[in-house]
Protein backbone atom coordinates (compact mmCIF):
# COMPACT_ATOMS: atom_id res chain seq x y z
CA MET A 1 6.07 13.95 -33.30
CA LYS A 2 3.83 11.02 -32.33
CA ARG A 3 0.15 11.97 -32.06
CA LEU A 4 -1.43 10.33 -29.03
CA VAL A 5 -5.18 10.51 -28.43
CA VAL A 6 -6.53 9.57 -25.00
CA LEU A 7 -10.21 8.68 -24.68
CA GLY A 8 -11.63 9.24 -21.22
CA GLY A 9 -10.76 12.00 -18.77
CA GLY A 10 -10.76 10.08 -15.51
CA GLU A 11 -7.84 8.80 -13.42
CA SER A 12 -6.39 6.45 -16.04
CA GLY A 13 -6.93 8.77 -19.01
CA VAL A 14 -5.43 11.87 -17.42
CA GLY A 15 -2.47 9.82 -16.19
CA ALA A 16 -1.86 8.47 -19.70
CA ALA A 17 -2.11 11.97 -21.19
CA ILE A 18 0.48 13.33 -18.76
CA LEU A 19 2.85 10.43 -19.42
CA GLY A 20 2.47 11.01 -23.17
CA LYS A 21 3.32 14.69 -22.73
CA VAL A 22 6.35 13.85 -20.55
CA LYS A 23 7.55 11.51 -23.32
CA GLY A 24 7.36 14.29 -25.91
CA MET A 25 4.15 13.33 -27.73
CA ASP A 26 1.47 15.55 -29.21
CA VAL A 27 -1.41 14.66 -26.86
CA PHE A 28 -5.15 15.26 -27.20
CA LEU A 29 -7.68 13.99 -24.64
CA SER A 30 -11.39 13.60 -25.41
CA ASP A 31 -14.28 12.57 -23.16
CA MET A 32 -17.96 12.17 -24.12
CA GLY A 33 -18.88 13.01 -20.51
CA THR A 34 -17.90 15.92 -18.31
CA ILE A 35 -14.34 15.93 -16.99
CA ALA A 36 -14.10 16.60 -13.24
CA PRO A 37 -12.61 20.01 -12.28
CA HIS A 38 -9.46 18.61 -10.63
CA TYR A 39 -8.66 16.55 -13.76
CA ARG A 40 -9.24 19.61 -15.98
CA LYS A 41 -6.75 21.52 -13.84
CA MET A 42 -4.16 18.71 -14.13
CA LEU A 43 -4.50 18.77 -17.94
CA ASP A 44 -4.34 22.57 -18.10
CA ASP A 45 -1.28 22.67 -15.83
CA GLU A 46 0.50 20.35 -18.29
CA GLY A 47 -0.68 22.30 -21.34
CA ILE A 48 -2.54 19.28 -22.73
CA ALA A 49 -5.35 19.92 -25.21
CA TRP A 50 -8.68 18.39 -24.13
CA GLU A 51 -12.40 18.42 -24.77
CA ASP A 52 -15.41 17.05 -22.94
CA ASN A 53 -19.08 16.33 -23.71
CA GLN A 54 -18.09 15.49 -27.29
CA HIS A 55 -15.69 13.59 -29.54
CA THR A 56 -14.20 15.60 -32.41
CA GLU A 57 -13.68 12.79 -34.93
CA SER A 58 -11.23 14.65 -37.17
CA ARG A 59 -8.80 15.11 -34.26
CA ILE A 60 -9.30 11.61 -32.86
CA LEU A 61 -8.91 9.83 -36.20
CA ALA A 62 -5.64 11.69 -36.83
CA ALA A 63 -4.02 9.72 -33.99
CA ASP A 64 -1.01 7.46 -34.42
CA GLU A 65 -2.19 5.56 -31.35
CA VAL A 66 -5.18 5.71 -28.98
CA VAL A 67 -5.16 5.02 -25.23
CA LYS A 68 -8.68 3.98 -24.25
CA SER A 69 -10.08 4.24 -20.74
CA PRO A 70 -11.34 0.83 -19.51
CA GLY A 71 -14.97 1.89 -19.17
CA ILE A 72 -15.39 2.59 -22.92
CA PRO A 73 -16.70 -0.57 -24.63
CA PRO A 74 -15.27 -1.57 -28.01
CA THR A 75 -18.81 -1.25 -29.39
CA ALA A 76 -18.91 2.53 -28.77
CA PRO A 77 -19.36 4.42 -32.08
CA ILE A 78 -16.03 6.25 -31.77
CA MET A 79 -14.23 2.92 -31.17
CA GLN A 80 -15.86 1.50 -34.30
CA ARG A 81 -14.60 4.49 -36.32
CA ILE A 82 -11.07 4.09 -34.86
CA ALA A 83 -11.13 0.38 -35.73
CA SER A 84 -12.19 1.15 -39.29
CA LYS A 85 -9.07 3.32 -39.66
CA ASN A 86 -6.84 0.56 -38.19
CA ILE A 87 -5.48 2.92 -35.51
CA PRO A 88 -3.84 0.90 -32.69
CA VAL A 89 -5.77 1.01 -29.39
CA ILE A 90 -4.06 0.21 -26.09
CA SER A 91 -4.87 0.48 -22.39
CA GLU A 92 -3.28 2.88 -19.92
CA ILE A 93 -1.57 -0.12 -18.27
CA GLU A 94 -0.03 -1.20 -21.58
CA PHE A 95 1.10 2.38 -22.27
CA ALA A 96 2.67 2.88 -18.83
CA GLY A 97 4.42 -0.49 -18.94
CA ARG A 98 6.58 0.67 -21.87
CA TYR A 99 8.31 3.27 -19.72
CA THR A 100 9.22 1.40 -16.53
CA ASP A 101 11.31 -1.63 -15.65
CA ALA A 102 9.69 -1.98 -12.21
CA LYS A 103 8.45 -5.40 -11.15
CA MET A 104 4.72 -5.83 -11.67
CA VAL A 105 2.45 -7.72 -9.27
CA CYS A 106 -0.90 -7.83 -11.07
CA ILE A 107 -4.11 -9.05 -9.46
CA THR A 108 -7.43 -9.86 -11.10
CA GLY A 109 -10.48 -12.01 -10.42
CA SER A 110 -14.24 -11.64 -10.26
CA ASN A 111 -14.05 -11.15 -6.48
CA GLY A 112 -11.44 -10.43 -3.85
CA LYS A 113 -9.04 -8.51 -6.06
CA THR A 114 -9.29 -5.17 -4.23
CA THR A 115 -8.67 -6.71 -0.80
CA THR A 116 -5.82 -8.84 -2.17
CA THR A 117 -4.27 -5.83 -3.92
CA LEU A 118 -4.42 -3.62 -0.84
CA LEU A 119 -3.16 -6.43 1.41
CA THR A 120 -0.23 -7.16 -0.94
CA TYR A 121 0.61 -3.44 -1.07
CA HIS A 122 0.39 -3.29 2.75
CA ILE A 123 2.84 -6.20 3.13
CA LEU A 124 5.36 -4.72 0.69
CA LYS A 125 5.12 -1.15 1.98
CA ASN A 126 5.55 -2.21 5.60
CA ALA A 127 8.54 -4.34 4.63
CA GLY A 128 10.27 -1.19 3.35
CA ILE A 129 9.83 -1.87 -0.38
CA ASN A 130 9.57 1.19 -2.66
CA VAL A 131 6.13 0.17 -3.94
CA GLY A 132 3.38 1.91 -5.89
CA LEU A 133 -0.34 1.08 -5.84
CA ALA A 134 -2.18 1.35 -9.17
CA GLY A 135 -4.99 0.16 -11.43
CA ASN A 136 -8.51 0.11 -10.01
CA VAL A 137 -7.15 1.37 -6.68
CA GLY A 138 -4.51 3.98 -5.95
CA LYS A 139 -3.22 6.44 -8.51
CA SER A 140 -2.98 5.89 -12.25
CA LEU A 141 0.00 3.70 -13.16
CA ALA A 142 0.87 6.04 -16.03
CA LEU A 143 0.88 9.08 -13.75
CA GLN A 144 3.20 7.33 -11.28
CA VAL A 145 5.55 6.24 -14.08
CA ALA A 146 5.59 9.86 -15.31
CA ARG A 147 6.26 11.50 -11.96
CA GLU A 148 7.58 8.98 -9.44
CA HIS A 149 9.89 5.98 -9.32
CA HIS A 150 8.91 2.70 -7.73
CA ASP A 151 10.76 -0.61 -7.73
CA VAL A 152 7.52 -2.61 -7.60
CA TYR A 153 3.92 -1.84 -8.54
CA VAL A 154 0.94 -3.70 -7.12
CA ILE A 155 -1.85 -3.33 -9.67
CA GLU A 156 -5.52 -4.31 -9.49
CA LEU A 157 -6.71 -5.10 -13.01
CA SER A 158 -10.28 -5.53 -14.20
CA SER A 159 -11.12 -7.54 -17.30
CA PHE A 160 -11.75 -4.20 -19.05
CA GLN A 161 -8.18 -3.05 -18.31
CA LEU A 162 -6.76 -6.36 -19.51
CA GLU A 163 -8.59 -6.19 -22.86
CA ASN A 164 -6.10 -3.85 -24.52
CA MET A 165 -2.93 -5.25 -22.96
CA TYR A 166 -0.49 -6.69 -25.51
CA SER A 167 3.23 -6.38 -24.60
CA PHE A 168 2.79 -5.67 -20.88
CA LYS A 169 4.01 -8.42 -18.55
CA ALA A 170 3.19 -9.30 -14.96
CA ASN A 171 6.16 -10.69 -13.04
CA VAL A 172 3.63 -12.04 -10.55
CA ALA A 173 0.11 -12.63 -11.91
CA VAL A 174 -2.70 -13.40 -9.46
CA LEU A 175 -6.08 -14.77 -10.55
CA MET A 176 -8.40 -15.06 -7.54
CA ASN A 177 -11.41 -16.71 -9.23
CA ILE A 178 -13.68 -16.44 -12.27
CA THR A 179 -17.46 -16.28 -11.91
CA PRO A 180 -20.00 -14.71 -14.29
CA ASP A 181 -19.67 -10.92 -14.27
CA HIS A 182 -19.92 -8.09 -16.81
CA LEU A 183 -21.44 -10.53 -19.29
CA ASP A 184 -23.28 -7.62 -20.90
CA ARG A 185 -19.82 -6.44 -22.07
CA TYR A 186 -18.89 -9.88 -23.44
CA ASP A 187 -21.92 -10.67 -25.63
CA TYR A 188 -23.23 -12.85 -22.78
CA GLU A 189 -20.51 -15.37 -23.65
CA MET A 190 -18.71 -16.61 -20.54
CA GLN A 191 -15.67 -17.74 -22.57
CA ASN A 192 -15.09 -14.17 -23.78
CA TYR A 193 -14.91 -13.03 -20.15
CA ILE A 194 -12.60 -15.94 -19.23
CA ASN A 195 -10.29 -15.05 -22.13
CA ALA A 196 -10.11 -11.43 -20.93
CA LYS A 197 -9.18 -12.51 -17.39
CA PHE A 198 -6.49 -14.90 -18.63
CA ARG A 199 -4.73 -12.06 -20.45
CA ILE A 200 -3.07 -11.44 -17.06
CA ILE A 201 -0.59 -14.25 -17.84
CA ARG A 202 0.19 -12.92 -21.32
CA ASN A 203 3.94 -12.70 -22.04
CA GLN A 204 4.94 -14.49 -18.83
CA THR A 205 8.18 -16.52 -18.91
CA PRO A 206 9.54 -19.36 -16.73
CA GLU A 207 11.04 -16.70 -14.43
CA ASP A 208 7.55 -15.37 -13.63
CA ALA A 209 4.84 -16.62 -11.24
CA PHE A 210 1.15 -17.38 -11.72
CA ILE A 211 -0.86 -17.57 -8.48
CA TYR A 212 -4.44 -18.89 -8.67
CA TRP A 213 -7.21 -20.58 -6.70
CA GLN A 214 -6.75 -24.31 -7.23
CA ASP A 215 -10.42 -25.25 -6.67
CA ASP A 216 -11.96 -22.83 -9.16
CA PRO A 217 -13.59 -25.07 -11.81
CA VAL A 218 -13.48 -22.33 -14.47
CA ILE A 219 -9.75 -21.75 -13.96
CA GLN A 220 -9.04 -25.49 -13.93
CA ALA A 221 -10.95 -26.02 -17.18
CA GLN A 222 -9.08 -23.17 -18.87
CA LEU A 223 -5.68 -24.42 -17.66
CA LYS A 224 -6.34 -27.68 -19.52
CA GLN A 225 -6.82 -25.72 -22.76
CA ILE A 226 -3.71 -23.53 -22.70
CA GLU A 227 0.04 -23.73 -22.16
CA ILE A 228 1.56 -21.64 -19.38
CA GLU A 229 5.26 -20.87 -19.18
CA ALA A 230 5.22 -19.28 -15.72
CA GLN A 231 5.80 -21.18 -12.48
CA LEU A 232 2.47 -22.21 -10.94
CA PHE A 233 1.51 -21.31 -7.37
CA PRO A 234 -2.00 -22.61 -6.65
CA PHE A 235 -3.67 -22.01 -3.28
CA ALA A 236 -6.57 -23.91 -1.66
CA GLU A 237 -8.25 -24.28 1.71
CA ARG A 238 -6.61 -27.71 2.24
CA GLU A 239 -3.49 -29.28 0.77
CA GLU A 240 -3.90 -30.94 -2.61
CA GLU A 241 -1.38 -32.01 -5.22
CA GLY A 242 0.91 -29.08 -5.95
CA THR A 243 -0.76 -26.63 -3.51
CA LYS A 244 1.60 -23.83 -2.46
CA ALA A 245 -0.62 -22.23 0.21
CA TYR A 246 -3.15 -24.04 2.41
CA ILE A 247 -4.35 -24.65 5.99
CA ASP A 248 -2.88 -27.75 7.62
CA ALA A 249 -4.41 -30.12 10.19
CA GLU A 250 -3.23 -27.88 13.08
CA ASN A 251 -5.07 -24.88 11.55
CA GLU A 252 -1.79 -23.29 10.51
CA LEU A 253 -1.42 -21.30 7.29
CA ILE A 254 1.37 -22.84 5.20
CA ILE A 255 2.92 -20.88 2.31
CA ASN A 256 5.71 -22.35 0.17
CA SER A 257 7.73 -20.58 -2.53
CA PRO A 258 11.12 -21.56 -4.02
CA SER A 259 12.99 -19.37 -1.52
CA THR A 260 10.63 -19.09 1.47
CA SER A 261 8.48 -21.41 3.58
CA LEU A 262 6.19 -19.59 5.97
CA LYS A 263 3.94 -20.90 8.73
CA MET A 264 1.53 -18.96 10.98
CA PRO A 265 -1.68 -19.73 12.90
CA ARG A 266 -4.81 -19.05 10.88
CA ALA A 267 -6.23 -17.36 13.98
CA ASP A 268 -3.52 -14.67 13.67
CA LEU A 269 -4.78 -13.48 10.26
CA SER A 270 -6.44 -10.09 10.59
CA LEU A 271 -9.10 -10.90 7.98
CA SER A 272 -11.75 -13.52 8.79
CA GLY A 273 -13.96 -15.66 6.53
CA LEU A 274 -13.07 -18.15 3.80
CA HIS A 275 -12.87 -15.54 1.04
CA ASN A 276 -10.39 -13.52 3.12
CA LEU A 277 -8.33 -16.64 3.76
CA TYR A 278 -7.85 -16.91 -0.01
CA ASN A 279 -7.01 -13.20 -0.22
CA SER A 280 -4.38 -13.65 2.52
CA MET A 281 -2.92 -16.71 0.77
CA ALA A 282 -2.57 -14.90 -2.57
CA ALA A 283 -0.99 -11.84 -0.97
CA GLY A 284 1.31 -14.00 1.18
CA LEU A 285 2.42 -16.03 -1.83
CA SER A 286 3.20 -12.83 -3.77
CA ALA A 287 5.31 -11.54 -0.87
CA CYS A 288 7.17 -14.86 -0.51
CA ILE A 289 7.92 -14.97 -4.25
CA LEU A 290 9.37 -11.44 -3.95
CA ASP A 291 11.68 -12.74 -1.18
CA LEU A 292 10.36 -10.64 1.68
CA LYS A 293 11.32 -11.58 5.23
CA LYS A 294 8.97 -14.04 6.90
CA GLU A 295 8.50 -11.89 9.97
CA ASP A 296 7.47 -8.91 7.82
CA ILE A 297 4.89 -11.01 5.98
CA ARG A 298 3.47 -12.50 9.19
CA ARG A 299 3.19 -9.10 10.86
CA ALA A 300 1.44 -7.49 7.87
CA LEU A 301 -1.01 -10.40 7.47
CA SER A 302 -1.97 -9.99 11.12
CA ASP A 303 -2.42 -6.19 11.28
CA PHE A 304 -4.14 -5.32 7.97
CA GLU A 305 -7.39 -3.45 8.53
CA GLY A 306 -9.55 -4.51 5.58
CA VAL A 307 -11.38 -2.68 2.81
CA GLU A 308 -14.17 -0.14 3.08
CA HIS A 309 -17.55 -1.32 1.68
CA ARG A 310 -16.48 -4.98 1.85
CA LEU A 311 -18.16 -6.78 4.76
CA GLU A 312 -17.69 -3.56 6.75
CA TYR A 313 -19.33 -3.56 10.18
CA VAL A 314 -21.33 -0.34 10.61
CA ASP A 315 -23.20 -0.54 13.93
CA THR A 316 -25.50 -2.61 16.14
CA ILE A 317 -28.79 -0.86 16.83
CA ASN A 318 -31.56 -2.39 19.00
CA GLY A 319 -29.60 -5.64 18.89
CA VAL A 320 -29.50 -5.67 15.06
CA LYS A 321 -26.07 -5.77 13.39
CA TYR A 322 -25.70 -3.70 10.15
CA ILE A 323 -23.04 -4.73 7.61
CA ASN A 324 -22.06 -2.73 4.52
CA ASP A 325 -21.00 -4.96 1.62
CA SER A 326 -21.83 -2.47 -1.13
CA LYS A 327 -18.75 -3.64 -3.05
CA ALA A 328 -20.62 -6.89 -3.81
CA THR A 329 -21.57 -5.92 -7.35
CA ASN A 330 -21.97 -9.52 -8.57
CA VAL A 331 -23.62 -12.72 -7.36
CA ASN A 332 -20.42 -14.50 -6.30
CA SER A 333 -19.42 -11.59 -4.03
CA CYS A 334 -22.80 -11.87 -2.35
CA TRP A 335 -22.24 -15.64 -1.94
CA TYR A 336 -19.04 -14.97 0.04
CA ALA A 337 -20.86 -12.39 2.18
CA LEU A 338 -23.72 -14.79 2.95
CA GLU A 339 -21.20 -17.52 3.72
CA SER A 340 -19.74 -15.32 6.47
CA VAL A 341 -22.95 -14.14 8.23
CA PRO A 342 -25.23 -16.03 10.65
CA ALA A 343 -28.79 -17.20 10.00
CA GLU A 344 -31.65 -14.73 10.49
CA THR A 345 -30.10 -12.26 8.05
CA ILE A 346 -32.07 -9.61 6.21
CA LEU A 347 -30.47 -9.16 2.79
CA ILE A 348 -30.66 -5.96 0.75
CA LEU A 349 -30.36 -6.70 -2.98
CA GLY A 350 -30.78 -4.70 -6.17
CA GLY A 351 -29.31 -2.30 -8.69
CA LYS A 352 -28.28 -2.61 -12.32
CA ASP A 353 -28.48 -6.29 -13.26
CA LYS A 354 -25.55 -7.40 -15.47
CA GLY A 355 -27.12 -10.64 -16.66
CA ASN A 356 -27.04 -12.17 -13.16
CA ASP A 357 -27.87 -15.78 -12.37
CA TYR A 358 -29.14 -15.86 -8.77
CA THR A 359 -29.20 -19.66 -8.48
CA GLU A 360 -25.63 -19.45 -7.10
CA ILE A 361 -26.91 -17.91 -3.83
CA GLU A 362 -30.27 -19.72 -3.76
CA GLN A 363 -29.28 -22.35 -1.16
CA LEU A 364 -27.52 -19.85 1.10
CA VAL A 365 -30.58 -17.60 0.94
CA LYS A 366 -32.80 -20.54 1.97
CA ASP A 367 -30.40 -21.44 4.80
CA LYS A 368 -29.63 -18.00 6.19
CA VAL A 369 -31.97 -15.27 4.94
CA LYS A 370 -35.25 -14.55 6.68
CA ALA A 371 -36.15 -11.56 4.48
CA ILE A 372 -35.03 -9.91 1.26
CA VAL A 373 -35.44 -6.18 0.75
CA CYS A 374 -35.04 -5.16 -2.90
CA MET A 375 -33.66 -1.70 -3.61
CA GLY A 376 -33.53 -0.61 -7.22
CA LYS A 377 -35.35 1.14 -10.01
CA ASP A 378 -36.61 -2.17 -11.37
CA ASN A 379 -36.69 -5.14 -9.00
CA SER A 380 -38.92 -7.41 -11.11
CA LYS A 381 -36.26 -10.05 -11.83
CA LEU A 382 -35.28 -10.30 -8.13
CA LEU A 383 -38.91 -10.40 -6.97
CA GLU A 384 -39.76 -13.14 -9.44
CA PHE A 385 -36.72 -15.29 -8.59
CA PHE A 386 -36.93 -15.08 -4.79
CA LYS A 387 -40.72 -14.88 -4.26
CA ASP A 388 -41.05 -18.52 -3.12
CA LYS A 389 -37.64 -18.80 -1.48
CA VAL A 390 -37.98 -16.46 1.52
CA ASN A 391 -40.89 -15.76 3.84
CA ILE A 392 -40.65 -11.97 3.51
CA ILE A 393 -39.72 -9.98 0.40
CA ARG A 394 -40.12 -6.22 0.09
CA ASP A 395 -39.99 -3.99 -2.99
CA THR A 396 -38.39 -0.57 -2.33
CA HIS A 397 -36.87 1.98 -4.67
CA SER A 398 -34.50 3.99 -2.47
CA LEU A 399 -31.85 3.20 0.08
CA GLN A 400 -33.69 4.99 2.89
CA ASP A 401 -36.88 3.01 2.22
CA ALA A 402 -34.83 -0.20 2.17
CA VAL A 403 -33.16 0.56 5.52
CA ASP A 404 -36.54 1.54 7.02
CA ALA A 405 -38.02 -1.76 5.83
CA CYS A 406 -35.11 -3.72 7.34
CA ALA A 407 -35.49 -1.96 10.71
CA GLU A 408 -39.19 -2.80 10.69
CA ILE A 409 -38.59 -6.51 9.91
CA ALA A 410 -35.54 -7.07 12.13
CA ASN A 411 -35.52 -8.46 15.66
CA SER A 412 -32.70 -8.32 18.19
CA GLY A 413 -29.98 -10.79 17.17
CA ASP A 414 -30.64 -10.39 13.43
CA THR A 415 -28.14 -9.11 10.84
CA VAL A 416 -28.93 -6.60 8.08
CA LEU A 417 -26.57 -7.16 5.15
CA LEU A 418 -26.29 -4.77 2.22
CA SER A 419 -24.77 -7.06 -0.44
CA PRO A 420 -26.58 -5.97 -3.58
CA CYS A 421 -25.33 -8.48 -6.25
CA CYS A 422 -25.71 -5.69 -8.80
CA ALA A 423 -23.97 -2.59 -10.11
CA SER A 424 -24.96 0.67 -8.44
CA PHE A 425 -25.62 2.90 -11.42
CA ASP A 426 -29.43 2.83 -11.33
CA LEU A 427 -29.72 4.92 -8.14
CA PHE A 428 -26.14 5.81 -7.16
CA LYS A 429 -22.95 7.29 -8.59
CA SER A 430 -20.89 4.26 -7.55
CA TYR A 431 -20.79 1.37 -5.09
CA GLU A 432 -18.89 3.74 -2.74
CA ASP A 433 -21.77 6.24 -2.91
CA ARG A 434 -24.24 3.42 -2.20
CA GLY A 435 -22.18 2.23 0.78
CA GLU A 436 -21.80 5.74 2.20
CA GLN A 437 -25.54 6.35 1.93
CA PHE A 438 -26.19 3.07 3.74
CA LYS A 439 -23.77 3.95 6.53
CA ASN A 440 -25.31 7.42 6.84
CA ALA A 441 -28.80 5.95 7.07
CA VAL A 442 -27.65 3.62 9.87
CA LYS A 443 -25.90 6.50 11.68
CA ALA A 444 -29.10 8.57 11.43
CA MET A 445 -30.98 5.68 13.06
CA ARG A 446 -28.44 5.69 15.90
CA LYS A 447 -29.09 9.42 16.55
CA LYS A 448 -32.82 8.79 16.92
CA ILE A 449 -32.37 6.32 19.77
């Protein structure tokens, strides 16, 4: 009997453990942290052996194969020990892909991947496709393969999830963009991060599709270095050579695939802003490649409701608009947010810095931001970089203090934008926790009026 060890007791790890059990393997799950009660119950209900708050090396190193949760870096001591024993290590996505022949629509990128994933899923689901949602959003792919049957999966993949993908293949691979992110994981070498992202096209054949942003200089440079077998479907704001999705002179969205040509007014798209135009193009291209009806695609692109914590309008209080963009955990995400807001914006920044370079947003800050409120345990890097670039800069160390500072600075007609540029783990459990706390602080302000 094959001995499978799963490292990490979150959504992906528990899903992989259950799939392993369903496939008749001897499964052991280990987590250095504490496993949440509902995941413990899932493991117990399946009779799967598990441990938390420790790694028992003798049991782990007896594995025939290890499924590693994406958050565990290859530099972790237990991963070093596994490597020294030459035990194969794969991702949950790789593991699940062995046991399904469903079509895979896989989406990655430094920014926009969650919105694009959810929009693509929305189009397919509303067109009557038997579709599953997996990866960074939705349920674990492995768990769905174990317990459900879908004809198509729409999967959001981070660079971490792509790292241990070897035989898995995306029928439709989408790469939204590549900007510096998670460089602390990649030895501060941008090429290492680029290589991880480009694993999304691994194993693709001429029958498969690769959708990407045509004007991304990092993607373009990489395309010159490698050979791609898949059919190329680039998208851009305006038509260029080879562009398959673009806006024409009449402000119509044009999408062309081998079997479908679609046209609809840009004004009919439910999502606004340039970044959301690209998300709509990528999702629309995926749907056209999968041969969905044009009317289904148009309808879904016009009635999608967006993503929580991504440019989410919260309230207008005393004439000041509050926007929650807590999902902006890197500098490029913040750039897109600033691109979509008016001048006289008060910007809340701060959190766990991942090797950020703030020069990318420097000009937009000068053009649009009247004040920066820093919110983090250590704001020294932000304070130093922006001290001469805005008239007002405040140093706070909690979300409530940050919101109070914004309310004090803001005048009617201003916008307060939480778009932190950084990971949330210094003060919060997650970017969702940070966004919820921001929304609650704004709601509390409303009650005081």
